[in-house]
Amino acid sequence: MEKQFTIKNPQGIHARPAGAIMKKAAEFAGEQITIEFNGRKVSAKSITGVLTLGMKAGDTVTVSAEGEKAAEAVEAVGAVIESVLD
């Protein structure tokens, strides 16, 4: 399961939104969740990995997941990616 999402936060994905992404992804313990951007793929459960992607406002990323709750995980993590957090 995979789906594309657009970064809407004007400051892009910095420490606070990256932490929120990681926390949401961690709620899905049985699923492997990844974020892909510019040909690089990292675990959504790694704050360091998420930050290294350097996602900025307007960028489109692909969230993918494998596991029993893959569709739910993709939507939940995507909702955080598209939210605007200070």
PDB file of N, CA and C in Angstrom:
ATOM      1  N   MET A   1       0.855  -1.189   0.000  1.00  0.00           N
ATOM      2  CA  MET A   1       0.000   0.000   0.000  1.00  0.00           C
ATOM      3  C   MET A   1       0.884   1.228   0.000  1.00  0.00           C
ATOM      4  N   GLU A   2       0.630   2.143  -0.935  1.00  0.00           N
ATOM      5  CA  GLU A   2       1.368   3.399  -0.939  1.00  0.00           C
ATOM      6  C   GLU A   2       0.482   4.515  -1.471  1.00  0.00           C
ATOM      7  N   LYS A   3       0.823   5.736  -1.048  1.00  0.00           N
ATOM      8  CA  LYS A   3       0.034   6.902  -1.450  1.00  0.00           C
ATOM      9  C   LYS A   3       0.924   8.136  -1.368  1.00  0.00           C
ATOM     10  N   GLN A   4       0.646   9.126  -2.208  1.00  0.00           N
ATOM     11  CA  GLN A   4       1.426  10.362  -2.191  1.00  0.00           C
ATOM     12  C   GLN A   4       0.730  11.433  -1.349  1.00  0.00           C
ATOM     13  N   PHE A   5       1.560  12.231  -0.683  1.00  0.00           N
ATOM     14  CA  PHE A   5       1.079  13.325   0.154  1.00  0.00           C
ATOM     15  C   PHE A   5       1.945  14.551  -0.114  1.00  0.00           C
ATOM     16  N   THR A   6       1.376  15.736   0.125  1.00  0.00           N
ATOM     17  CA  THR A   6       2.093  16.989  -0.107  1.00  0.00           C
ATOM     18  C   THR A   6       2.355  17.683   1.225  1.00  0.00           C
ATOM     19  N   ILE A   7       3.588  18.177   1.377  1.00  0.00           N
ATOM     20  CA  ILE A   7       3.971  18.907   2.589  1.00  0.00           C
ATOM     21  C   ILE A   7       3.269  20.263   2.561  1.00  0.00           C
ATOM     22  N   LYS A   8       2.462  20.549   3.582  1.00  0.00           N
ATOM     23  CA  LYS A   8       1.721  21.815   3.634  1.00  0.00           C
ATOM     24  C   LYS A   8       2.283  22.786   4.668  1.00  0.00           C
ATOM     25  N   ASN A   9       3.128  22.288   5.567  1.00  0.00           N
ATOM     26  CA  ASN A   9       3.713  23.152   6.594  1.00  0.00           C
ATOM     27  C   ASN A   9       4.660  24.154   5.922  1.00  0.00           C
ATOM     28  N   PRO A  10       4.437  25.468   6.100  1.00  0.00           N
ATOM     29  CA  PRO A  10       5.299  26.479   5.453  1.00  0.00           C
ATOM     30  C   PRO A  10       6.784  26.331   5.802  1.00  0.00           C
ATOM     31  N   GLN A  11       7.082  25.780   6.986  1.00  0.00           N
ATOM     32  CA  GLN A  11       8.483  25.592   7.386  1.00  0.00           C
ATOM     33  C   GLN A  11       9.026  24.231   6.951  1.00  0.00           C
ATOM     34  N   GLY A  12       8.228  23.446   6.256  1.00  0.00           N
ATOM     35  CA  GLY A  12       8.673  22.109   5.857  1.00  0.00           C
ATOM     36  C   GLY A  12       8.654  21.159   7.043  1.00  0.00           C
ATOM     37  N   ILE A  13       9.364  20.059   6.891  1.00  0.00           N
ATOM     38  CA  ILE A  13       9.412  19.063   7.969  1.00  0.00           C
ATOM     39  C   ILE A  13      10.696  19.276   8.769  1.00  0.00           C
ATOM     40  N   HIS A  14      10.546  19.924   9.907  1.00  0.00           N
ATOM     41  CA  HIS A  14      11.663  20.152  10.822  1.00  0.00           C
ATOM     42  C   HIS A  14      11.460  19.231  12.030  1.00  0.00           C
ATOM     43  N   ALA A  15      12.165  19.467  13.119  1.00  0.00           N
ATOM     44  CA  ALA A  15      12.171  18.532  14.256  1.00  0.00           C
ATOM     45  C   ALA A  15      10.780  18.213  14.815  1.00  0.00           C
ATOM     46  N   ARG A  16       9.952  19.224  15.029  1.00  0.00           N
ATOM     47  CA  ARG A  16       8.652  18.958  15.658  1.00  0.00           C
ATOM     48  C   ARG A  16       7.732  18.106  14.767  1.00  0.00           C
ATOM     49  N   PRO A  17       7.532  18.484  13.488  1.00  0.00           N
ATOM     50  CA  PRO A  17       6.703  17.625  12.643  1.00  0.00           C
ATOM     51  C   PRO A  17       7.323  16.238  12.432  1.00  0.00           C
ATOM     52  N   ALA A  18       8.649  16.173  12.341  1.00  0.00           N
ATOM     53  CA  ALA A  18       9.303  14.869  12.174  1.00  0.00           C
ATOM     54  C   ALA A  18       9.026  13.984  13.387  1.00  0.00           C
ATOM     55  N   GLY A  19       9.038  14.576  14.575  1.00  0.00           N
ATOM     56  CA  GLY A  19       8.715  13.833  15.790  1.00  0.00           C
ATOM     57  C   GLY A  19       7.281  13.340  15.789  1.00  0.00           C
ATOM     58  N   ALA A  20       6.374  14.181  15.284  1.00  0.00           N
ATOM     59  CA  ALA A  20       4.964  13.796  15.210  1.00  0.00           C
ATOM     60  C   ALA A  20       4.769  12.649  14.212  1.00  0.00           C
ATOM     61  N   ILE A  21       5.486  12.694  13.092  1.00  0.00           N
ATOM     62  CA  ILE A  21       5.427  11.611  12.098  1.00  0.00           C
ATOM     63  C   ILE A  21       5.915  10.313  12.730  1.00  0.00           C
ATOM     64  N   MET A  22       7.061  10.386  13.421  1.00  0.00           N
ATOM     65  CA  MET A  22       7.633   9.203  14.055  1.00  0.00           C
ATOM     66  C   MET A  22       6.683   8.621  15.101  1.00  0.00           C
ATOM     67  N   LYS A  23       6.080   9.467  15.927  1.00  0.00           N
ATOM     68  CA  LYS A  23       5.163   8.993  16.963  1.00  0.00           C
ATOM     69  C   LYS A  23       3.945   8.308  16.355  1.00  0.00           C
ATOM     70  N   LYS A  24       3.393   8.891  15.293  1.00  0.00           N
ATOM     71  CA  LYS A  24       2.233   8.292  14.634  1.00  0.00           C
ATOM     72  C   LYS A  24       2.621   6.945  14.024  1.00  0.00           C
ATOM     73  N   ALA A  25       3.770   6.887  13.364  1.00  0.00           N
ATOM     74  CA  ALA A  25       4.220   5.635  12.747  1.00  0.00           C
ATOM     75  C   ALA A  25       4.454   4.558  13.807  1.00  0.00           C
ATOM     76  N   ALA A  26       4.970   4.959  14.970  1.00  0.00           N
ATOM     77  CA  ALA A  26       5.257   4.014  16.049  1.00  0.00           C
ATOM     78  C   ALA A  26       3.993   3.372  16.609  1.00  0.00           C
ATOM     79  N   GLU A  27       2.834   4.014  16.405  1.00  0.00           N
ATOM     80  CA  GLU A  27       1.571   3.426  16.861  1.00  0.00           C
ATOM     81  C   GLU A  27       1.230   2.148  16.094  1.00  0.00           C
ATOM     82  N   PHE A  28       1.873   1.959  14.947  1.00  0.00           N
ATOM     83  CA  PHE A  28       1.642   0.776  14.115  1.00  0.00           C
ATOM     84  C   PHE A  28       2.863  -0.141  14.224  1.00  0.00           C
ATOM     85  N   ALA A  29       2.966  -0.804  15.374  1.00  0.00           N
ATOM     86  CA  ALA A  29       4.154  -1.597  15.690  1.00  0.00           C
ATOM     87  C   ALA A  29       4.395  -2.733  14.697  1.00  0.00           C
ATOM     88  N   GLY A  30       3.332  -3.333  14.178  1.00  0.00           N
ATOM     89  CA  GLY A  30       3.491  -4.484  13.285  1.00  0.00           C
ATOM     90  C   GLY A  30       3.724  -4.128  11.832  1.00  0.00           C
ATOM     91  N   GLU A  31       3.681  -2.840  11.499  1.00  0.00           N
ATOM     92  CA  GLU A  31       3.821  -2.431  10.110  1.00  0.00           C
ATOM     93  C   GLU A  31       5.185  -1.810   9.843  1.00  0.00           C
ATOM     94  N   GLN A  32       5.682  -2.054   8.630  1.00  0.00           N
ATOM     95  CA  GLN A  32       6.894  -1.383   8.176  1.00  0.00           C
ATOM     96  C   GLN A  32       6.419  -0.202   7.351  1.00  0.00           C
ATOM     97  N   ILE A  33       6.730   1.029   7.792  1.00  0.00           N
ATOM     98  CA  ILE A  33       6.249   2.242   7.139  1.00  0.00           C
ATOM     99  C   ILE A  33       7.450   3.046   6.651  1.00  0.00           C
ATOM    100  N   THR A  34       7.426   3.411   5.377  1.00  0.00           N
ATOM    101  CA  THR A  34       8.535   4.174   4.821  1.00  0.00           C
ATOM    102  C   THR A  34       8.027   5.444   4.146  1.00  0.00           C
ATOM    103  N   ILE A  35       8.928   6.430   4.076  1.00  0.00           N
ATOM    104  CA  ILE A  35       8.666   7.679   3.357  1.00  0.00           C
ATOM    105  C   ILE A  35       9.735   7.784   2.284  1.00  0.00           C
ATOM    106  N   GLU A  36       9.298   8.042   1.051  1.00  0.00           N
ATOM    107  CA  GLU A  36      10.230   8.166  -0.062  1.00  0.00           C
ATOM    108  C   GLU A  36      10.154   9.570  -0.643  1.00  0.00           C
ATOM    109  N   PHE A  37      11.330  10.165  -0.854  1.00  0.00           N
ATOM    110  CA  PHE A  37      11.418  11.522  -1.407  1.00  0.00           C
ATOM    111  C   PHE A  37      12.738  11.651  -2.152  1.00  0.00           C
ATOM    112  N   ASN A  38      12.689  12.159  -3.364  1.00  0.00           N
ATOM    113  CA  ASN A  38      13.895  12.352  -4.188  1.00  0.00           C
ATOM    114  C   ASN A  38      14.735  11.086  -4.305  1.00  0.00           C
ATOM    115  N   GLY A  39      14.075   9.952  -4.477  1.00  0.00           N
ATOM    116  CA  GLY A  39      14.793   8.693  -4.674  1.00  0.00           C
ATOM    117  C   GLY A  39      15.358   8.072  -3.409  1.00  0.00           C
ATOM    118  N   ARG A  40      15.133   8.690  -2.256  1.00  0.00           N
ATOM    119  CA  ARG A  40      15.609   8.136  -0.979  1.00  0.00           C
ATOM    120  C   ARG A  40      14.421   7.639  -0.188  1.00  0.00           C
ATOM    121  N   LYS A  41      14.595   6.499   0.471  1.00  0.00           N
ATOM    122  CA  LYS A  41      13.522   5.903   1.251  1.00  0.00           C
ATOM    123  C   LYS A  41      14.027   5.670   2.675  1.00  0.00           C
ATOM    124  N   VAL A  42      13.254   6.158   3.661  1.00  0.00           N
ATOM    125  CA  VAL A  42      13.635   6.005   5.069  1.00  0.00           C
ATOM    126  C   VAL A  42      12.446   5.482   5.869  1.00  0.00           C
ATOM    127  N   SER A  43      12.737   4.931   7.025  1.00  0.00           N
ATOM    128  CA  SER A  43      11.682   4.477   7.930  1.00  0.00           C
ATOM    129  C   SER A  43      10.975   5.684   8.533  1.00  0.00           C
ATOM    130  N   ALA A  44       9.645   5.656   8.535  1.00  0.00           N
ATOM    131  CA  ALA A  44       8.881   6.732   9.162  1.00  0.00           C
ATOM    132  C   ALA A  44       9.017   6.683  10.678  1.00  0.00           C
ATOM    133  N   LYS A  45       9.561   5.593  11.200  1.00  0.00           N
ATOM    134  CA  LYS A  45       9.734   5.437  12.640  1.00  0.00           C
ATOM    135  C   LYS A  45      11.077   5.982  13.122  1.00  0.00           C
ATOM    136  N   SER A  46      11.855   6.551  12.200  1.00  0.00           N
ATOM    137  CA  SER A  46      13.166   7.115  12.538  1.00  0.00           C
ATOM    138  C   SER A  46      13.141   8.633  12.357  1.00  0.00           C
ATOM    139  N   ILE A  47      13.196   9.373  13.461  1.00  0.00           N
ATOM    140  CA  ILE A  47      13.172  10.840  13.363  1.00  0.00           C
ATOM    141  C   ILE A  47      14.381  11.336  12.579  1.00  0.00           C
ATOM    142  N   THR A  48      15.527  10.709  12.775  1.00  0.00           N
ATOM    143  CA  THR A  48      16.733  11.106  12.052  1.00  0.00           C
ATOM    144  C   THR A  48      16.559  10.875  10.559  1.00  0.00           C
ATOM    145  N   GLY A  49      16.009   9.717  10.199  1.00  0.00           N
ATOM    146  CA  GLY A  49      15.774   9.415   8.797  1.00  0.00           C
ATOM    147  C   GLY A  49      14.826  10.407   8.157  1.00  0.00           C
ATOM    148  N   VAL A  50      13.739  10.715   8.855  1.00  0.00           N
ATOM    149  CA  VAL A  50      12.744  11.663   8.329  1.00  0.00           C
ATOM    150  C   VAL A  50      13.390  13.034   8.122  1.00  0.00           C
ATOM    151  N   LEU A  51      14.182  13.491   9.082  1.00  0.00           N
ATOM    152  CA  LEU A  51      14.826  14.800   8.972  1.00  0.00           C
ATOM    153  C   LEU A  51      15.833  14.855   7.823  1.00  0.00           C
ATOM    154  N   THR A  52      16.531  13.739   7.551  1.00  0.00           N
ATOM    155  CA  THR A  52      17.552  13.748   6.499  1.00  0.00           C
ATOM    156  C   THR A  52      16.957  13.902   5.102  1.00  0.00           C
ATOM    157  N   LEU A  53      15.647  13.689   4.951  1.00  0.00           N
ATOM    158  CA  LEU A  53      15.029  13.847   3.633  1.00  0.00           C
ATOM    159  C   LEU A  53      14.925  15.316   3.225  1.00  0.00           C
ATOM    160  N   GLY A  54      14.938  16.227   4.189  1.00  0.00           N
ATOM    161  CA  GLY A  54      14.902  17.658   3.883  1.00  0.00           C
ATOM    162  C   GLY A  54      13.642  18.100   3.147  1.00  0.00           C
ATOM    163  N   MET A  55      12.501  17.599   3.570  1.00  0.00           N
ATOM    164  CA  MET A  55      11.238  17.913   2.897  1.00  0.00           C
ATOM    165  C   MET A  55      10.803  19.347   3.201  1.00  0.00           C
ATOM    166  N   LYS A  56      10.420  20.061   2.145  1.00  0.00           N
ATOM    167  CA  LYS A  56       9.999  21.455   2.273  1.00  0.00           C
ATOM    168  C   LYS A  56       8.550  21.616   1.821  1.00  0.00           C
ATOM    169  N   ALA A  57       7.952  22.757   2.138  1.00  0.00           N
ATOM    170  CA  ALA A  57       6.572  23.042   1.751  1.00  0.00           C
ATOM    171  C   ALA A  57       6.403  22.862   0.247  1.00  0.00           C
ATOM    172  N   GLY A  58       5.342  22.167  -0.139  1.00  0.00           N
ATOM    173  CA  GLY A  58       5.056  21.944  -1.542  1.00  0.00           C
ATOM    174  C   GLY A  58       5.628  20.661  -2.104  1.00  0.00           C
ATOM    175  N   ASP A  59       6.572  20.049  -1.380  1.00  0.00           N
ATOM    176  CA  ASP A  59       7.152  18.783  -1.841  1.00  0.00           C
ATOM    177  C   ASP A  59       6.120  17.664  -1.750  1.00  0.00           C
ATOM    178  N   THR A  60       6.194  16.725  -2.688  1.00  0.00           N
ATOM    179  CA  THR A  60       5.322  15.560  -2.665  1.00  0.00           C
ATOM    180  C   THR A  60       6.152  14.349  -2.285  1.00  0.00           C
ATOM    181  N   VAL A  61       5.664  13.591  -1.317  1.00  0.00           N
ATOM    182  CA  VAL A  61       6.366  12.400  -0.836  1.00  0.00           C
ATOM    183  C   VAL A  61       5.451  11.192  -0.964  1.00  0.00           C
ATOM    184  N   THR A  62       6.064  10.011  -0.995  1.00  0.00           N
ATOM    185  CA  THR A  62       5.295   8.769  -1.058  1.00  0.00           C
ATOM    186  C   THR A  62       5.440   8.035   0.268  1.00  0.00           C
ATOM    187  N   VAL A  63       4.316   7.726   0.881  1.00  0.00           N
ATOM    188  CA  VAL A  63       4.299   6.943   2.116  1.00  0.00           C
ATOM    189  C   VAL A  63       3.845   5.540   1.735  1.00  0.00           C
ATOM    190  N   SER A  64       4.600   4.538   2.160  1.00  0.00           N
ATOM    191  CA  SER A  64       4.208   3.155   1.888  1.00  0.00           C
ATOM    192  C   SER A  64       4.286   2.350   3.172  1.00  0.00           C
ATOM    193  N   ALA A  65       3.506   1.279   3.212  1.00  0.00           N
ATOM    194  CA  ALA A  65       3.482   0.428   4.400  1.00  0.00           C
ATOM    195  C   ALA A  65       3.181  -1.007   4.004  1.00  0.00           C
ATOM    196  N   GLU A  66       3.697  -1.907   4.816  1.00  0.00           N
ATOM    197  CA  GLU A  66       3.419  -3.331   4.673  1.00  0.00           C
ATOM    198  C   GLU A  66       2.960  -3.836   6.023  1.00  0.00           C
ATOM    199  N   GLY A  67       1.989  -4.732   6.004  1.00  0.00           N
ATOM    200  CA  GLY A  67       1.495  -5.299   7.254  1.00  0.00           C
ATOM    201  C   GLY A  67      -0.019  -5.321   7.267  1.00  0.00           C
ATOM    202  N   GLU A  68      -0.563  -5.852   8.357  1.00  0.00           N
ATOM    203  CA  GLU A  68      -1.999  -6.037   8.496  1.00  0.00           C
ATOM    204  C   GLU A  68      -2.785  -4.728   8.407  1.00  0.00           C
ATOM    205  N   LYS A  69      -2.245  -3.659   9.000  1.00  0.00           N
ATOM    206  CA  LYS A  69      -2.933  -2.369   9.016  1.00  0.00           C
ATOM    207  C   LYS A  69      -2.236  -1.365   8.099  1.00  0.00           C
ATOM    208  N   ALA A  70      -1.710  -1.834   6.970  1.00  0.00           N
ATOM    209  CA  ALA A  70      -0.925  -0.977   6.073  1.00  0.00           C
ATOM    210  C   ALA A  70      -1.715   0.229   5.590  1.00  0.00           C
ATOM    211  N   ALA A  71      -2.945   0.037   5.131  1.00  0.00           N
ATOM    212  CA  ALA A  71      -3.739   1.153   4.605  1.00  0.00           C
ATOM    213  C   ALA A  71      -4.008   2.197   5.683  1.00  0.00           C
ATOM    214  N   GLU A  72      -4.350   1.734   6.869  1.00  0.00           N
ATOM    215  CA  GLU A  72      -4.612   2.642   7.994  1.00  0.00           C
ATOM    216  C   GLU A  72      -3.342   3.407   8.364  1.00  0.00           C
ATOM    217  N   ALA A  73      -2.200   2.721   8.355  1.00  0.00           N
ATOM    218  CA  ALA A  73      -0.922   3.347   8.701  1.00  0.00           C
ATOM    219  C   ALA A  73      -0.550   4.426   7.694  1.00  0.00           C
ATOM    220  N   VAL A  74      -0.719   4.133   6.400  1.00  0.00           N
ATOM    221  CA  VAL A  74      -0.396   5.116   5.357  1.00  0.00           C
ATOM    222  C   VAL A  74      -1.253   6.367   5.526  1.00  0.00           C
ATOM    223  N   GLU A  75      -2.543   6.196   5.739  1.00  0.00           N
ATOM    224  CA  GLU A  75      -3.437   7.349   5.905  1.00  0.00           C
ATOM    225  C   GLU A  75      -3.096   8.155   7.156  1.00  0.00           C
ATOM    226  N   ALA A  76      -2.794   7.476   8.258  1.00  0.00           N
ATOM    227  CA  ALA A  76      -2.487   8.159   9.523  1.00  0.00           C
ATOM    228  C   ALA A  76      -1.192   8.964   9.416  1.00  0.00           C
ATOM    229  N   VAL A  77      -0.154   8.356   8.875  1.00  0.00           N
ATOM    230  CA  VAL A  77       1.127   9.059   8.723  1.00  0.00           C
ATOM    231  C   VAL A  77       0.987  10.182   7.687  1.00  0.00           C
ATOM    232  N   GLY A  78       0.245   9.925   6.627  1.00  0.00           N
ATOM    233  CA  GLY A  78       0.019  10.960   5.601  1.00  0.00           C
ATOM    234  C   GLY A  78      -0.716  12.164   6.158  1.00  0.00           C
ATOM    235  N   ALA A  79      -1.673  11.926   7.051  1.00  0.00           N
ATOM    236  CA  ALA A  79      -2.409  13.034   7.665  1.00  0.00           C
ATOM    237  C   ALA A  79      -1.471  13.922   8.471  1.00  0.00           C
ATOM    238  N   VAL A  80      -0.502  13.325   9.160  1.00  0.00           N
ATOM    239  CA  VAL A  80       0.460  14.114   9.931  1.00  0.00           C
ATOM    240  C   VAL A  80       1.373  14.891   8.969  1.00  0.00           C
ATOM    241  N   ILE A  81       1.779  14.243   7.881  1.00  0.00           N
ATOM    242  CA  ILE A  81       2.646  14.906   6.896  1.00  0.00           C
ATOM    243  C   ILE A  81       1.947  16.130   6.315  1.00  0.00           C
ATOM    244  N   GLU A  82       0.643  16.025   6.064  1.00  0.00           N
ATOM    245  CA  GLU A  82      -0.089  17.137   5.462  1.00  0.00           C
ATOM    246  C   GLU A  82      -0.585  18.168   6.473  1.00  0.00           C
ATOM    247  N   SER A  83      -0.423  17.895   7.762  1.00  0.00           N
ATOM    248  CA  SER A  83      -0.862  18.857   8.770  1.00  0.00           C
ATOM    249  C   SER A  83       0.167  19.981   8.905  1.00  0.00           C
ATOM    250  N   VAL A  84      -0.259  21.080   9.498  1.00  0.00           N
ATOM    251  CA  VAL A  84       0.635  22.219   9.719  1.00  0.00           C
ATOM    252  C   VAL A  84       0.939  22.311  11.204  1.00  0.00           C
ATOM    253  N   LEU A  85       2.161  21.956  11.559  1.00  0.00           N
ATOM    254  CA  LEU A  85       2.610  22.018  12.956  1.00  0.00           C
ATOM    255  C   LEU A  85       3.675  23.083  13.080  1.00  0.00           C
ATOM    256  N   ASP A  86       3.621  23.866  14.138  1.00  0.00           N
ATOM    257  CA  ASP A  86       4.638  24.904  14.353  1.00  0.00           C
ATOM    258  C   ASP A  86       5.982  24.298  14.657  1.00  0.00           C
TER     259      ASP A  86
END
